[in-house]
C-alpha atoms as a PDB file:
ATOM      1  CA  MET A   1      18.320   7.016 -14.610  1.00  0.00           C
ATOM      2  CA  ILE A   2      20.140  10.370 -14.700  1.00  0.00           C
ATOM      3  CA  LYS A   3      20.194  11.905 -18.185  1.00  0.00           C
ATOM      4  CA  VAL A   4      23.360  13.849 -19.051  1.00  0.00           C
ATOM      5  CA  LEU A   5      24.282  16.249 -21.861  1.00  0.00           C
ATOM      6  CA  ILE A   6      27.962  17.050 -22.487  1.00  0.00           C
ATOM      7  CA  ALA A   7      28.947  20.480 -23.841  1.00  0.00           C
ATOM      8  CA  ASP A   8      32.610  20.978 -24.788  1.00  0.00           C
ATOM      9  CA  ASP A   9      34.323  22.297 -27.917  1.00  0.00           C
ATOM     10  CA  GLN A  10      36.842  19.442 -27.960  1.00  0.00           C
ATOM     11  CA  ALA A  11      35.531  16.230 -29.534  1.00  0.00           C
ATOM     12  CA  MET A  12      37.962  14.058 -27.583  1.00  0.00           C
ATOM     13  CA  VAL A  13      36.752  15.496 -24.301  1.00  0.00           C
ATOM     14  CA  ARG A  14      33.126  14.873 -25.213  1.00  0.00           C
ATOM     15  CA  GLN A  15      33.909  11.310 -26.270  1.00  0.00           C
ATOM     16  CA  GLY A  16      36.007  10.605 -23.189  1.00  0.00           C
ATOM     17  CA  PHE A  17      33.482  11.938 -20.714  1.00  0.00           C
ATOM     18  CA  GLY A  18      30.690  10.276 -22.646  1.00  0.00           C
ATOM     19  CA  ALA A  19      32.326   6.847 -22.459  1.00  0.00           C
ATOM     20  CA  LEU A  20      33.058   7.271 -18.757  1.00  0.00           C
ATOM     21  CA  LEU A  21      29.525   8.265 -17.853  1.00  0.00           C
ATOM     22  CA  ALA A  22      27.834   5.785 -20.188  1.00  0.00           C
ATOM     23  CA  ALA A  23      29.619   2.981 -18.356  1.00  0.00           C
ATOM     24  CA  GLN A  24      27.696   3.819 -15.180  1.00  0.00           C
ATOM     25  CA  PRO A  25      24.461   1.859 -14.656  1.00  0.00           C
ATOM     26  CA  ASP A  26      22.513   4.900 -13.438  1.00  0.00           C
ATOM     27  CA  LEU A  27      23.720   7.450 -16.009  1.00  0.00           C
ATOM     28  CA  LEU A  28      22.521   7.945 -19.589  1.00  0.00           C
ATOM     29  CA  VAL A  29      24.312  10.293 -22.001  1.00  0.00           C
ATOM     30  CA  VAL A  30      21.538  11.734 -24.166  1.00  0.00           C
ATOM     31  CA  GLY A  31      23.672  13.973 -26.379  1.00  0.00           C
ATOM     32  CA  ASP A  32      26.543  16.400 -26.727  1.00  0.00           C
ATOM     33  CA  ALA A  33      27.258  19.866 -28.078  1.00  0.00           C
ATOM     34  CA  ALA A  34      30.358  21.675 -29.337  1.00  0.00           C
ATOM     35  CA  ASN A  35      29.347  25.180 -28.266  1.00  0.00           C
ATOM     36  CA  GLY A  36      27.064  26.968 -25.843  1.00  0.00           C
ATOM     37  CA  ALA A  37      24.359  27.797 -28.361  1.00  0.00           C
ATOM     38  CA  ASP A  38      24.034  24.164 -29.422  1.00  0.00           C
ATOM     39  CA  ALA A  39      24.052  23.135 -25.759  1.00  0.00           C
ATOM     40  CA  VAL A  40      21.042  25.360 -25.037  1.00  0.00           C
ATOM     41  CA  THR A  41      19.164  24.000 -28.048  1.00  0.00           C
ATOM     42  CA  ALA A  42      20.020  20.380 -27.256  1.00  0.00           C
ATOM     43  CA  ALA A  43      19.108  20.744 -23.596  1.00  0.00           C
ATOM     44  CA  ARG A  44      15.688  22.108 -24.442  1.00  0.00           C
ATOM     45  CA  GLN A  45      15.094  19.310 -26.941  1.00  0.00           C
ATOM     46  CA  LEU A  46      16.517  16.372 -24.972  1.00  0.00           C
ATOM     47  CA  GLY A  47      15.573  17.332 -21.404  1.00  0.00           C
ATOM     48  CA  PRO A  48      18.752  16.221 -19.574  1.00  0.00           C
ATOM     49  CA  ASP A  49      18.881  16.255 -15.786  1.00  0.00           C
ATOM     50  CA  VAL A  50      22.483  17.505 -15.799  1.00  0.00           C
ATOM     51  CA  VAL A  51      24.543  19.422 -18.357  1.00  0.00           C
ATOM     52  CA  LEU A  52      28.326  19.132 -18.150  1.00  0.00           C
ATOM     53  CA  MET A  53      29.293  22.589 -19.358  1.00  0.00           C
ATOM     54  CA  ASP A  54      32.703  23.808 -20.483  1.00  0.00           C
ATOM     55  CA  ILE A  55      33.299  27.545 -20.027  1.00  0.00           C
ATOM     56  CA  ARG A  56      35.424  28.505 -23.023  1.00  0.00           C
ATOM     57  CA  MET A  57      33.507  27.560 -26.178  1.00  0.00           C
ATOM     58  CA  PRO A  58      32.874  29.302 -29.523  1.00  0.00           C
ATOM     59  CA  VAL A  59      29.602  30.953 -30.606  1.00  0.00           C
ATOM     60  CA  MET A  60      28.371  31.156 -26.996  1.00  0.00           C
ATOM     61  CA  ASP A  61      30.461  30.503 -23.894  1.00  0.00           C
ATOM     62  CA  GLY A  62      29.410  28.220 -21.079  1.00  0.00           C
ATOM     63  CA  LEU A  63      28.529  31.057 -18.719  1.00  0.00           C
ATOM     64  CA  GLU A  64      25.944  32.547 -21.069  1.00  0.00           C
ATOM     65  CA  ALA A  65      24.595  29.091 -21.916  1.00  0.00           C
ATOM     66  CA  THR A  66      24.220  28.405 -18.189  1.00  0.00           C
ATOM     67  CA  ARG A  67      22.318  31.657 -17.676  1.00  0.00           C
ATOM     68  CA  ARG A  68      19.900  30.731 -20.447  1.00  0.00           C
ATOM     69  CA  LEU A  69      19.295  27.242 -19.088  1.00  0.00           C
ATOM     70  CA  THR A  70      18.860  28.228 -15.449  1.00  0.00           C
ATOM     71  CA  GLY A  71      17.084  31.585 -15.772  1.00  0.00           C
ATOM     72  CA  ALA A  72      13.768  32.456 -14.153  1.00  0.00           C
ATOM     73  CA  SER A  73      11.869  31.216 -17.206  1.00  0.00           C
ATOM     74  CA  GLU A  74      13.645  27.849 -17.011  1.00  0.00           C
ATOM     75  CA  SER A  75      12.504  26.709 -13.553  1.00  0.00           C
ATOM     76  CA  SER A  76      12.346  23.111 -14.723  1.00  0.00           C
ATOM     77  CA  GLY A  77      15.627  23.274 -16.611  1.00  0.00           C
ATOM     78  CA  PRO A  78      18.649  21.034 -16.037  1.00  0.00           C
ATOM     79  CA  LYS A  79      21.270  21.370 -13.351  1.00  0.00           C
ATOM     80  CA  VAL A  80      24.571  22.643 -14.746  1.00  0.00           C
ATOM     81  CA  LEU A  81      27.933  21.259 -13.679  1.00  0.00           C
ATOM     82  CA  ILE A  82      30.769  23.462 -14.915  1.00  0.00           C
ATOM     83  CA  LEU A  83      33.816  21.549 -16.133  1.00  0.00           C
ATOM     84  CA  THR A  84      36.921  23.505 -17.011  1.00  0.00           C
ATOM     85  CA  THR A  85      40.694  23.594 -16.925  1.00  0.00           C
ATOM     86  CA  PHE A  86      40.462  27.158 -15.670  1.00  0.00           C
ATOM     87  CA  ASP A  87      39.966  27.643 -11.934  1.00  0.00           C
ATOM     88  CA  LEU A  88      40.362  31.422 -11.972  1.00  0.00           C
ATOM     89  CA  ASP A  89      38.296  33.317  -9.400  1.00  0.00           C
ATOM     90  CA  ASP A  90      36.172  35.153 -11.954  1.00  0.00           C
ATOM     91  CA  TYR A  91      35.081  31.926 -13.578  1.00  0.00           C
ATOM     92  CA  VAL A  92      34.103  30.341 -10.273  1.00  0.00           C
ATOM     93  CA  TYR A  93      32.111  33.308  -9.076  1.00  0.00           C
ATOM     94  CA  GLU A  94      30.441  34.074 -12.398  1.00  0.00           C
ATOM     95  CA  ALA A  95      29.566  30.414 -13.000  1.00  0.00           C
ATOM     96  CA  LEU A  96      27.741  30.214  -9.673  1.00  0.00           C
ATOM     97  CA  ARG A  97      26.030  33.554 -10.236  1.00  0.00           C
ATOM     98  CA  ALA A  98      24.960  32.320 -13.675  1.00  0.00           C
ATOM     99  CA  GLY A  99      23.101  29.461 -11.992  1.00  0.00           C
ATOM    100  CA  ALA A 100      25.582  26.573 -12.035  1.00  0.00           C
ATOM    101  CA  SER A 101      25.061  23.930  -9.376  1.00  0.00           C
ATOM    102  CA  GLY A 102      28.652  22.742  -9.323  1.00  0.00           C
ATOM    103  CA  PHE A 103      32.141  23.501 -10.498  1.00  0.00           C
ATOM    104  CA  LEU A 104      34.752  20.816 -11.138  1.00  0.00           C
ATOM    105  CA  LEU A 105      38.175  20.974 -12.752  1.00  0.00           C
ATOM    106  CA  LYS A 106      38.786  18.720 -15.742  1.00  0.00           C
ATOM    107  CA  ASP A 107      41.838  17.152 -14.106  1.00  0.00           C
ATOM    108  CA  ALA A 108      39.721  15.758 -11.270  1.00  0.00           C
ATOM    109  CA  PRO A 109      39.752  11.941 -10.919  1.00  0.00           C
ATOM    110  CA  ALA A 110      37.154  10.063 -12.973  1.00  0.00           C
ATOM    111  CA  ALA A 111      35.374   8.917  -9.814  1.00  0.00           C
ATOM    112  CA  ASP A 112      34.957  12.548  -8.745  1.00  0.00           C
ATOM    113  CA  LEU A 113      33.279  13.421 -12.034  1.00  0.00           C
ATOM    114  CA  VAL A 114      30.830  10.532 -11.783  1.00  0.00           C
ATOM    115  CA  ASN A 115      30.053  11.439  -8.167  1.00  0.00           C
ATOM    116  CA  ALA A 116      29.641  15.111  -9.098  1.00  0.00           C
ATOM    117  CA  VAL A 117      26.960  14.281 -11.674  1.00  0.00           C
ATOM    118  CA  ARG A 118      25.047  12.231  -9.119  1.00  0.00           C
ATOM    119  CA  VAL A 119      25.353  14.868  -6.403  1.00  0.00           C
ATOM    120  CA  VAL A 120      24.224  17.728  -8.651  1.00  0.00           C
ATOM    121  CA  ALA A 121      21.348  15.667 -10.072  1.00  0.00           C
ATOM    122  CA  GLY A 122      20.222  15.007  -6.497  1.00  0.00           C
ATOM    123  CA  GLY A 123      19.845  18.730  -5.832  1.00  0.00           C
ATOM    124  CA  GLU A 124      23.060  19.324  -3.932  1.00  0.00           C
ATOM    125  CA  GLY A 125      25.618  21.962  -4.868  1.00  0.00           C
ATOM    126  CA  LEU A 126      29.173  20.815  -5.449  1.00  0.00           C
ATOM    127  CA  LEU A 127      32.480  22.632  -5.505  1.00  0.00           C
ATOM    128  CA  ALA A 128      35.938  21.114  -5.767  1.00  0.00           C
ATOM    129  CA  PRO A 129      37.943  21.855  -2.564  1.00  0.00           C
ATOM    130  CA  SER A 130      40.403  24.086  -4.412  1.00  0.00           C
ATOM    131  CA  VAL A 131      37.512  25.977  -5.979  1.00  0.00           C
ATOM    132  CA  THR A 132      35.826  26.440  -2.595  1.00  0.00           C
ATOM    133  CA  ARG A 133      39.003  27.979  -1.181  1.00  0.00           C
ATOM    134  CA  ARG A 134      39.219  30.391  -4.100  1.00  0.00           C
ATOM    135  CA  LEU A 135      35.568  31.343  -3.774  1.00  0.00           C
ATOM    136  CA  ILE A 136      35.918  32.122  -0.065  1.00  0.00           C
ATOM    137  CA  ALA A 137      39.095  34.080  -0.807  1.00  0.00           C
ATOM    138  CA  GLU A 138      37.170  36.082  -3.407  1.00  0.00           C
ATOM    139  CA  PHE A 139      34.620  37.157  -0.822  1.00  0.00           C
ATOM    140  CA  ALA A 140      37.273  37.739   1.838  1.00  0.00           C
ATOM    141  CA  ALA A 141      39.142  40.128  -0.459  1.00  0.00           C
ATOM    142  CA  ARG A 142      36.113  42.364  -0.878  1.00  0.00           C
ATOM    143  CA  PRO A 143      35.854  45.421   1.365  1.00  0.00           C
ATOM    144  CA  HIS A 144      33.498  44.759   4.249  1.00  0.00           C
ATOM    145  CA  ARG A 145      30.644  47.204   4.590  1.00  0.00           C
ATOM    146  CA  GLN A 146      27.468  47.311   6.566  1.00  0.00           C
ATOM    147  CA  ARG A 147      24.473  46.395   4.472  1.00  0.00           C
ATOM    148  CA  PRO A 148      20.785  46.309   5.399  1.00  0.00           C
ATOM    149  CA  ARG A 149      19.285  42.863   5.755  1.00  0.00           C
ATOM    150  CA  PRO A 150      17.830  41.869   2.351  1.00  0.00           C
ATOM    151  CA  VAL A 151      14.048  41.632   2.342  1.00  0.00           C
ATOM    152  CA  GLN A 152      14.051  38.054   1.051  1.00  0.00           C
ATOM    153  CA  LEU A 153      15.876  36.840   4.161  1.00  0.00           C
ATOM    154  CA  ASN A 154      13.004  38.053   6.332  1.00  0.00           C
ATOM    155  CA  ALA A 155      10.998  35.044   5.126  1.00  0.00           C
ATOM    156  CA  LEU A 156      13.330  32.697   6.994  1.00  0.00           C
ATOM    157  CA  THR A 157      12.749  31.569  10.558  1.00  0.00           C
ATOM    158  CA  PRO A 158      15.631  32.041  13.037  1.00  0.00           C
ATOM    159  CA  ARG A 159      16.478  28.343  12.784  1.00  0.00           C
ATOM    160  CA  GLU A 160      16.433  28.427   8.981  1.00  0.00           C
ATOM    161  CA  THR A 161      18.762  31.432   9.116  1.00  0.00           C
ATOM    162  CA  ASP A 162      21.137  29.456  11.334  1.00  0.00           C
ATOM    163  CA  VAL A 163      21.080  26.589   8.844  1.00  0.00           C
ATOM    164  CA  LEU A 164      21.792  28.942   5.933  1.00  0.00           C
ATOM    165  CA  ARG A 165      24.813  30.371   7.763  1.00  0.00           C
ATOM    166  CA  LEU A 166      26.166  26.875   8.343  1.00  0.00           C
ATOM    167  CA  ILE A 167      25.623  25.908   4.703  1.00  0.00           C
ATOM    168  CA  ALA A 168      27.629  28.966   3.674  1.00  0.00           C
ATOM    169  CA  ARG A 169      30.447  27.894   5.967  1.00  0.00           C
ATOM    170  CA  GLY A 170      30.698  24.603   4.122  1.00  0.00           C
ATOM    171  CA  ARG A 171      29.040  22.339   6.662  1.00  0.00           C
ATOM    172  CA  SER A 172      27.504  19.053   5.503  1.00  0.00           C
ATOM    173  CA  ASN A 173      23.999  18.040   6.572  1.00  0.00           C
ATOM    174  CA  GLN A 174      25.495  15.698   9.152  1.00  0.00           C
ATOM    175  CA  GLU A 175      27.706  18.456  10.572  1.00  0.00           C
ATOM    176  CA  ILE A 176      24.819  20.919  10.676  1.00  0.00           C
ATOM    177  CA  ALA A 177      22.713  18.361  12.546  1.00  0.00           C
ATOM    178  CA  ALA A 178      25.493  17.921  15.097  1.00  0.00           C
ATOM    179  CA  ASP A 179      25.981  21.684  15.479  1.00  0.00           C
ATOM    180  CA  LEU A 180      22.278  22.316  16.058  1.00  0.00           C
ATOM    181  CA  VAL A 181      21.605  19.052  17.938  1.00  0.00           C
ATOM    182  CA  VAL A 182      18.802  17.974  15.624  1.00  0.00           C
ATOM    183  CA  ALA A 183      18.176  15.000  13.345  1.00  0.00           C
ATOM    184  CA  GLU A 184      19.760  15.019   9.885  1.00  0.00           C
ATOM    185  CA  GLN A 185      16.307  14.672   8.316  1.00  0.00           C
ATOM    186  CA  THR A 186      15.282  17.860  10.124  1.00  0.00           C
ATOM    187  CA  VAL A 187      18.228  19.641   8.530  1.00  0.00           C
ATOM    188  CA  LYS A 188      17.146  18.419   5.084  1.00  0.00           C
ATOM    189  CA  THR A 189      13.642  19.746   5.751  1.00  0.00           C
ATOM    190  CA  HIS A 190      15.028  23.144   6.766  1.00  0.00           C
ATOM    191  CA  ILE A 191      17.189  23.295   3.641  1.00  0.00           C
ATOM    192  CA  GLY A 192      14.243  22.467   1.411  1.00  0.00           C
ATOM    193  CA  LYS A 193      12.251  25.302   2.970  1.00  0.00           C
ATOM    194  CA  ILE A 194      15.174  27.732   2.653  1.00  0.00           C
ATOM    195  CA  LEU A 195      15.589  27.014  -1.043  1.00  0.00           C
ATOM    196  CA  ALA A 196      11.848  27.297  -1.662  1.00  0.00           C
ATOM    197  CA  LYS A 197      11.453  30.570   0.242  1.00  0.00           C
ATOM    198  CA  LEU A 198      14.458  32.209  -1.396  1.00  0.00           C
ATOM    199  CA  GLY A 199      13.787  30.829  -4.880  1.00  0.00           C
ATOM    200  CA  LEU A 200      17.145  29.042  -5.032  1.00  0.00           C
ATOM    201  CA  ARG A 201      18.010  25.933  -7.006  1.00  0.00           C
ATOM    202  CA  ASP A 202      20.473  24.325  -4.609  1.00  0.00           C
ATOM    203  CA  ARG A 203      23.121  24.775  -1.909  1.00  0.00           C
ATOM    204  CA  ALA A 204      25.633  26.381  -4.244  1.00  0.00           C
ATOM    205  CA  GLN A 205      23.221  29.243  -4.898  1.00  0.00           C
ATOM    206  CA  ALA A 206      22.490  29.482  -1.175  1.00  0.00           C
ATOM    207  CA  VAL A 207      26.200  29.949  -0.458  1.00  0.00           C
ATOM    208  CA  VAL A 208      26.490  32.773  -2.972  1.00  0.00           C
ATOM    209  CA  LEU A 209      23.403  34.524  -1.604  1.00  0.00           C
ATOM    210  CA  ALA A 210      24.596  34.223   2.007  1.00  0.00           C
ATOM    211  CA  TYR A 211      27.893  35.922   1.201  1.00  0.00           C
ATOM    212  CA  GLU A 212      26.506  38.494  -1.224  1.00  0.00           C
ATOM    213  CA  THR A 213      23.886  39.680   1.224  1.00  0.00           C
ATOM    214  CA  GLY A 214      26.360  39.890   4.098  1.00  0.00           C
ATOM    215  CA  LEU A 215      24.571  37.224   6.126  1.00  0.00           C
ATOM    216  CA  VAL A 216      27.959  35.542   6.391  1.00  0.00           C
ATOM    217  CA  ALA A 217      31.361  37.193   6.082  1.00  0.00           C
ATOM    218  CA  ALA A 218      34.443  35.276   4.969  1.00  0.00           C
ATOM    219  CA  GLY A 219      36.599  34.358   7.933  1.00  0.00           C
ATOM    220  CA  GLU A 220      33.743  34.268  10.429  1.00  0.00           C
END
């Protein structure tokens, strides 16, 4: 059973998402919150697996709440799935940097929301296609400059580095397996080791790190 907490300043949104998720046999809505501060408190009390987090909320916004729930001192904290009507570049980038595992627009189909919760709870990162395009565009617009290889990447084997590059280019496990001519389970093993060595929560964080460190450049 996947436990979910819903954080949104609109009561109708909380009730609507709550009813949708509660109707699923494998999802349990354990609570809700009307602002980021309450979301942090509720998450620490209720121990959800996933927090659906709005960005624009009073008292504390969703970005700051995400940082507090996914910081270094919260290694066992919940996965955060950002839900918003705003798909502006700054929100996408900052949400992922804050530690969010996924980013989905509120106008996405109901089935996409349910799937997103399951995917994020399973340890995968998730970005809506339109959000992915904006994120890549954000990196592409930045001036390219030569940067030394970050020390943390030295922990990766050559094959793990190849896998990280493919993750950053949006490849699925199945596609990575085909590209490298290995079994899909082998790819999953590599990804687990990459995340552990780099101290990352999921694929979404791996994508950000790959671009930020210059391991992958947009358009490659």
